[in-house]
Amino acid sequence: MSNSAYLIVLPAFDGRKTSPDGVELSVLESPQFSWLSPSLALVVTGLSRSKVYHRIKWQLPDGDPLLVAPLADAPKFKGLAPGTTKWVRENL
């Protein structure tokens, strides 16, 4: 199976934790991920959208929102975490 890119939108968090709500993207079996902001991440993985969604969903408290959307192309953005543009150019 080829790799796909996904945009992940998580609930906002208060900055006291190392990642939003303790979410660990390492469960996606991919070294290719980047936190864009405290509530946004990009991941490139061989997993299906459903597997990505469920592996993150299981880490969130019940009722927390989650969006996992496939990306066909690199998104346009500004004002995100340092290094985001470089990561996107190298991985998408």
Foldseek 3Di string as FASTA:
>chain_A
DAKFKKKKFWDADDPPDPAALPFDQVVQVAPQKDAFARGIMMGIHPDDQVVSVVSRVVSDDPPTDMDIGTDPAQDDDDDTDPPPVVSRVVPD
